[in-house]
Structures are given as structure tokens and as C-alpha cells.
Amino acid sequence: LLLKPSWIKRKAKPGQRVIVVDPGLSFGTGHHATTSFCLREVVRFCAHGGGSFLDIGTGSGILAIAAAKLGARPIEAFDFDPEAVRVARENSHRNRVDRKLKLAQQDVTRIPRKPKSRYDLVCANLISNLLVQERERIIARVAPAGTLVLAGLLAVSMRMSALPVVLGMTALAPLLRAHSRHSIEDTGRPFLAVLRLGLHLFLVLAMTVAAHAAYKRAYGALTE
């Protein structure tokens, strides 16, 4: 992928897909650590055959646009911020993929716990407390053999200092996929389903705490 603003005339290399996104109010130009991590996972997903894609917290729409450029189908994306949805629609039109994806204004805290559709790849690039709080809604949207990619911002102290934290989903994804595969099997054994969810939550929290500790060691002065 080649990501660039509209005023840069740089040409793509052979086989490279171009995404044009101008910096603005909406989160997601591809240069932030969490966004670039998700982009790499989208590229990896599409390189291995692709499939359906859901982008939770789409921001500028960059992940959905990348998925459309790389051949994923069908593609859905949503954000709770109406301005983000407006910008994402403009960006999808500018990149000529507006007919290949469906954008909507939705709040992850209000979407149904039992979705009508599940997706081969789900990306949720949200603040960490939302990832934990709405884990059931997010995980429920992953297809039985699908992949879940999580990335987010950790709110530090009452001042809400922004800290980029890429949750190590490379290690956690197999467990989440296991939960997705076994969720139906466990309907008659609720204890096992709750145990699995508890394990997943513990791992997410442990990784978040570890990332926060590393941040404080490196940039302690900023968190005091």
C-alpha cells in the first residue's frame, strides 16, 4: 500500500495500491502505530485469500478503504462520530471504493449483542476501556474461523493523556478464535463459556497493564 495526502504526487510501485487520505479531524492517516498495525493485518488477511471485513471505529475509513482496494468483500464499517462517518464517505468516494463498502453511524456500546452477520476479519481500533467493556459485542462478530485484530489508545490518569498501545493480538488471536469456534458448543455448558471469556479478558488486561508500565518507564515524566 502507498498512503499519501492528495497534494503528494508520488507514484505507486508496480502492484502497489494507492490510498489518498488528507489529514483532518478524523483519526486514521495510517501513520499512527495502532492504525499502521491494523493496516498490516488487513494486508496479511487479503494476501491469504481475504473474505468479509468489519471495521469498528472506522475514523477516516482508511482500513475499510484498504480492504476494498485489496479485494475483501463484503466490507462494513462504522463509527459513533457523525463527522468521522462523513469524512470516511468522502475518502471512500475519493478512492473510488464507495460502492464496495457500507459505512454507517453506530455506537459499539449499543450494537446488538447477537449480530445478524459474522466476519472473517474484524478490526476494532478503539480506546482500551471500550475494547474491554464491549468485548462480548466485538467477539460475537467474528466468524467461527475468523480473525480479530484489536488496537487502541490507553487513557493515562484523569488528564486522559493519549498513549498508543498495540495490544498483542498476534498471541491472543488463537484464543479468541477458539472462543468463537466453541461459543456454540458451550451453549449447554455456560460455565465453560464464562471461563473462556474470563481468560480472554485477563490476557487483554495483562497486556494493557504491561504496555502501560513500559510507557511509564520510558516516559514517566509525562504521566505524573
Protein backbone atom coordinates (compact mmCIF):
# COMPACT_ATOMS: atom_id res chain seq x y z
CA LEU A 1 0.00 0.00 0.00
CA LEU A 2 1.01 3.59 -0.68
CA LEU A 3 -0.65 6.06 1.70
CA LYS A 4 -0.40 9.73 0.79
CA PRO A 5 -2.23 13.07 1.02
CA SER A 6 -3.80 14.46 -2.13
CA TRP A 7 -1.05 17.04 -2.73
CA ILE A 8 1.76 14.47 -2.91
CA LYS A 9 2.43 13.35 -6.49
CA ARG A 10 4.44 10.24 -5.62
CA LYS A 11 3.60 7.32 -7.90
CA ALA A 12 2.94 3.78 -6.77
CA LYS A 13 5.33 0.94 -7.41
CA PRO A 14 4.15 -1.98 -9.58
CA GLY A 15 1.45 -3.90 -7.72
CA GLN A 16 1.07 -1.21 -5.06
CA ARG A 17 -2.42 0.07 -4.16
CA VAL A 18 -2.72 3.81 -3.56
CA ILE A 19 -4.85 5.29 -0.76
CA VAL A 20 -5.31 9.06 -0.68
CA VAL A 21 -6.23 10.45 2.75
CA ASP A 22 -5.73 14.06 3.79
CA PRO A 23 -5.03 14.83 7.47
CA GLY A 24 -8.15 16.07 9.23
CA LEU A 25 -10.26 15.77 12.36
CA SER A 26 -10.95 12.06 11.90
CA PHE A 27 -8.49 9.56 13.34
CA GLY A 28 -6.59 7.42 10.86
CA THR A 29 -3.99 8.61 8.36
CA GLY A 30 -2.02 5.37 8.53
CA HIS A 31 0.96 6.82 10.41
CA HIS A 32 -0.23 6.20 13.96
CA ALA A 33 1.15 2.99 15.47
CA THR A 34 -2.28 1.44 16.07
CA THR A 35 -3.54 2.27 12.56
CA SER A 36 -0.38 1.01 10.84
CA PHE A 37 -0.60 -2.22 12.87
CA CYS A 38 -4.20 -2.77 11.72
CA LEU A 39 -3.25 -1.95 8.13
CA ARG A 40 -0.54 -4.62 8.19
CA GLU A 41 -3.09 -7.14 9.43
CA VAL A 42 -5.54 -6.16 6.68
CA VAL A 43 -2.81 -6.64 4.07
CA ARG A 44 -1.89 -10.02 5.59
CA PHE A 45 -5.55 -11.07 5.63
CA CYS A 46 -6.15 -10.13 1.99
CA ALA A 47 -2.89 -11.77 0.89
CA HIS A 48 -4.19 -15.07 2.28
CA GLY A 49 -7.46 -15.05 0.39
CA GLY A 50 -9.40 -12.29 2.11
CA GLY A 51 -13.12 -12.51 2.83
CA SER A 52 -15.62 -10.39 4.72
CA PHE A 53 -14.40 -7.45 6.81
CA LEU A 54 -15.83 -5.33 9.62
CA ASP A 55 -14.13 -2.12 10.76
CA ILE A 56 -15.28 -0.98 14.22
CA GLY A 57 -14.37 2.66 14.88
CA THR A 58 -13.51 3.40 11.27
CA GLY A 59 -12.41 7.03 11.77
CA SER A 60 -11.18 8.23 8.36
CA GLY A 61 -12.22 4.92 6.82
CA ILE A 62 -8.64 4.02 5.94
CA LEU A 63 -8.87 0.35 6.99
CA ALA A 64 -12.10 -0.25 5.08
CA ILE A 65 -10.68 1.54 2.03
CA ALA A 66 -7.52 -0.57 2.18
CA ALA A 67 -9.58 -3.76 2.46
CA ALA A 68 -11.65 -2.71 -0.56
CA LYS A 69 -8.54 -1.91 -2.60
CA LEU A 70 -7.08 -5.33 -1.72
CA GLY A 71 -10.18 -7.30 -2.65
CA ALA A 72 -12.01 -8.05 0.61
CA ARG A 73 -15.80 -8.50 0.25
CA PRO A 74 -18.23 -7.64 1.71
CA ILE A 75 -16.99 -4.72 3.80
CA GLU A 76 -18.83 -2.88 6.55
CA ALA A 77 -17.53 -0.08 8.77
CA PHE A 78 -18.99 2.16 11.42
CA ASP A 79 -18.13 4.94 13.84
CA PHE A 80 -20.13 6.68 16.57
CA ASP A 81 -18.96 10.12 15.38
CA PRO A 82 -21.08 11.52 12.53
CA GLU A 83 -18.19 13.72 11.38
CA ALA A 84 -15.94 10.65 11.11
CA VAL A 85 -18.58 8.87 9.03
CA ARG A 86 -18.90 11.90 6.74
CA VAL A 87 -15.11 12.05 6.25
CA ALA A 88 -14.93 8.27 5.70
CA ARG A 89 -17.58 8.54 2.98
CA GLU A 90 -15.66 11.35 1.29
CA ASN A 91 -12.45 9.33 1.46
CA SER A 92 -14.09 6.19 0.07
CA HIS A 93 -15.51 8.24 -2.82
CA ARG A 94 -12.14 9.88 -3.47
CA ASN A 95 -10.52 6.45 -3.58
CA ARG A 96 -13.28 5.09 -5.83
CA VAL A 97 -14.37 2.32 -3.48
CA ASP A 98 -17.58 3.86 -2.14
CA ARG A 99 -19.65 1.18 -3.88
CA LYS A 100 -17.54 -1.61 -2.41
CA LEU A 101 -18.17 -0.88 1.27
CA LYS A 102 -21.01 0.05 3.59
CA LEU A 103 -20.49 2.88 6.09
CA ALA A 104 -22.80 3.67 9.00
CA GLN A 105 -23.02 5.74 12.15
CA GLN A 106 -23.25 3.31 15.07
CA ASP A 107 -22.12 3.15 18.68
CA VAL A 108 -20.26 -0.02 19.68
CA THR A 109 -21.92 0.19 23.11
CA ARG A 110 -25.37 -0.01 21.51
CA ILE A 111 -25.00 -2.57 18.73
CA PRO A 112 -26.90 -5.86 19.29
CA ARG A 113 -25.10 -8.47 21.36
CA LYS A 114 -26.26 -11.12 18.88
CA PRO A 115 -25.31 -9.91 15.39
CA LYS A 116 -27.02 -10.85 12.16
CA SER A 117 -23.66 -11.34 10.44
CA ARG A 118 -20.18 -12.53 11.34
CA TYR A 119 -16.99 -11.56 9.56
CA ASP A 120 -13.78 -13.27 8.53
CA LEU A 121 -11.78 -10.28 9.79
CA VAL A 122 -12.86 -7.80 12.45
CA CYS A 123 -10.71 -4.77 13.32
CA ALA A 124 -11.52 -2.69 16.40
CA ASN A 125 -9.21 0.29 16.79
CA LEU A 126 -10.69 1.87 19.93
CA ILE A 127 -9.62 3.17 23.31
CA SER A 128 -8.70 0.30 25.59
CA ASN A 129 -11.57 0.68 28.06
CA LEU A 130 -14.06 0.25 25.21
CA LEU A 131 -12.23 -2.85 23.98
CA VAL A 132 -12.61 -4.41 27.42
CA GLN A 133 -16.09 -3.10 28.18
CA GLU A 134 -17.60 -4.19 24.85
CA ARG A 135 -15.57 -7.37 24.33
CA GLU A 136 -18.66 -9.58 24.04
CA ARG A 137 -20.20 -7.43 21.30
CA ILE A 138 -16.90 -7.34 19.41
CA ILE A 139 -16.03 -11.03 19.72
CA ALA A 140 -19.59 -12.02 18.72
CA ARG A 141 -18.98 -10.52 15.27
CA VAL A 142 -16.01 -12.76 14.47
CA ALA A 143 -16.79 -15.73 12.20
CA PRO A 144 -16.07 -19.22 13.61
CA ALA A 145 -12.76 -19.43 11.73
CA GLY A 146 -12.22 -15.68 11.64
CA THR A 147 -9.58 -13.31 12.94
CA LEU A 148 -9.93 -10.46 15.42
CA VAL A 149 -7.47 -7.56 15.44
CA LEU A 150 -7.54 -5.12 18.37
CA ALA A 151 -5.59 -1.91 18.79
CA GLY A 152 -6.24 1.14 20.89
CA LEU A 153 -5.30 4.13 22.96
CA LEU A 154 -4.77 3.77 26.70
CA ALA A 155 -6.14 6.68 28.73
CA VAL A 156 -3.47 7.67 31.27
CA SER A 157 -4.70 9.29 34.51
CA MET A 158 -7.52 11.81 34.77
CA ARG A 159 -5.89 14.01 32.15
CA MET A 160 -6.50 11.30 29.53
CA SER A 161 -3.04 11.60 28.00
CA ALA A 162 -3.05 9.68 24.74
CA LEU A 163 -0.83 6.63 24.73
CA PRO A 164 -0.59 4.36 21.67
CA VAL A 165 -0.92 0.76 22.77
CA VAL A 166 -0.95 -2.06 20.29
CA LEU A 167 -2.50 -4.99 22.09
CA GLY A 168 -0.52 -8.10 21.18
CA MET A 169 -3.29 -9.76 19.26
CA THR A 170 -0.86 -11.98 17.38
CA ALA A 171 -0.62 -14.06 20.55
CA LEU A 172 -4.21 -13.56 21.65
CA ALA A 173 -5.94 -14.18 18.32
CA PRO A 174 -5.81 -18.00 18.52
CA LEU A 175 -7.61 -17.90 21.88
CA LEU A 176 -10.25 -15.53 20.53
CA ARG A 177 -10.76 -17.73 17.51
CA ALA A 178 -11.07 -20.71 19.84
CA HIS A 179 -13.78 -18.86 21.77
CA SER A 180 -15.58 -18.13 18.50
CA ARG A 181 -15.44 -21.81 17.47
CA HIS A 182 -16.57 -23.08 20.84
CA SER A 183 -19.20 -20.48 21.68
CA ILE A 184 -21.96 -22.51 20.05
CA GLU A 185 -20.73 -25.76 21.56
CA ASP A 186 -20.76 -24.19 25.02
CA THR A 187 -24.40 -23.12 24.97
CA GLY A 188 -25.23 -26.14 27.13
CA ARG A 189 -22.17 -25.56 29.35
CA PRO A 190 -22.33 -21.90 30.41
CA PHE A 191 -19.56 -22.36 32.97
CA LEU A 192 -17.02 -23.17 30.24
CA ALA A 193 -18.13 -20.22 28.10
CA VAL A 194 -17.76 -17.83 31.03
CA LEU A 195 -14.37 -19.36 31.89
CA ARG A 196 -13.09 -18.80 28.35
CA LEU A 197 -14.31 -15.21 28.28
CA GLY A 198 -12.69 -14.62 31.66
CA LEU A 199 -9.37 -15.92 30.36
CA HIS A 200 -9.54 -13.69 27.29
CA LEU A 201 -10.33 -10.64 29.42
CA PHE A 202 -7.47 -11.44 31.81
CA LEU A 203 -4.99 -11.64 28.92
CA VAL A 204 -6.18 -8.34 27.42
CA LEU A 205 -5.90 -6.62 30.81
CA ALA A 206 -2.47 -8.14 31.47
CA MET A 207 -1.14 -6.89 28.13
CA THR A 208 -2.62 -3.44 28.68
CA VAL A 209 -1.05 -3.18 32.15
CA ALA A 210 2.31 -4.33 30.77
CA ALA A 211 2.17 -1.75 27.98
CA HIS A 212 1.26 0.97 30.47
CA ALA A 213 4.17 0.01 32.72
CA ALA A 214 6.59 0.11 29.80
CA TYR A 215 5.29 3.53 28.83
CA LYS A 216 5.75 4.88 32.36
CA ARG A 217 9.32 3.59 32.49
CA ALA A 218 10.19 5.32 29.22
CA TYR A 219 8.12 8.48 29.60
CA GLY A 220 7.49 8.68 33.34
CA ALA A 221 7.62 12.44 33.38
CA LEU A 222 4.65 12.65 31.04
CA THR A 223 2.39 10.55 33.25
CA GLU A 224 2.97 12.31 36.55
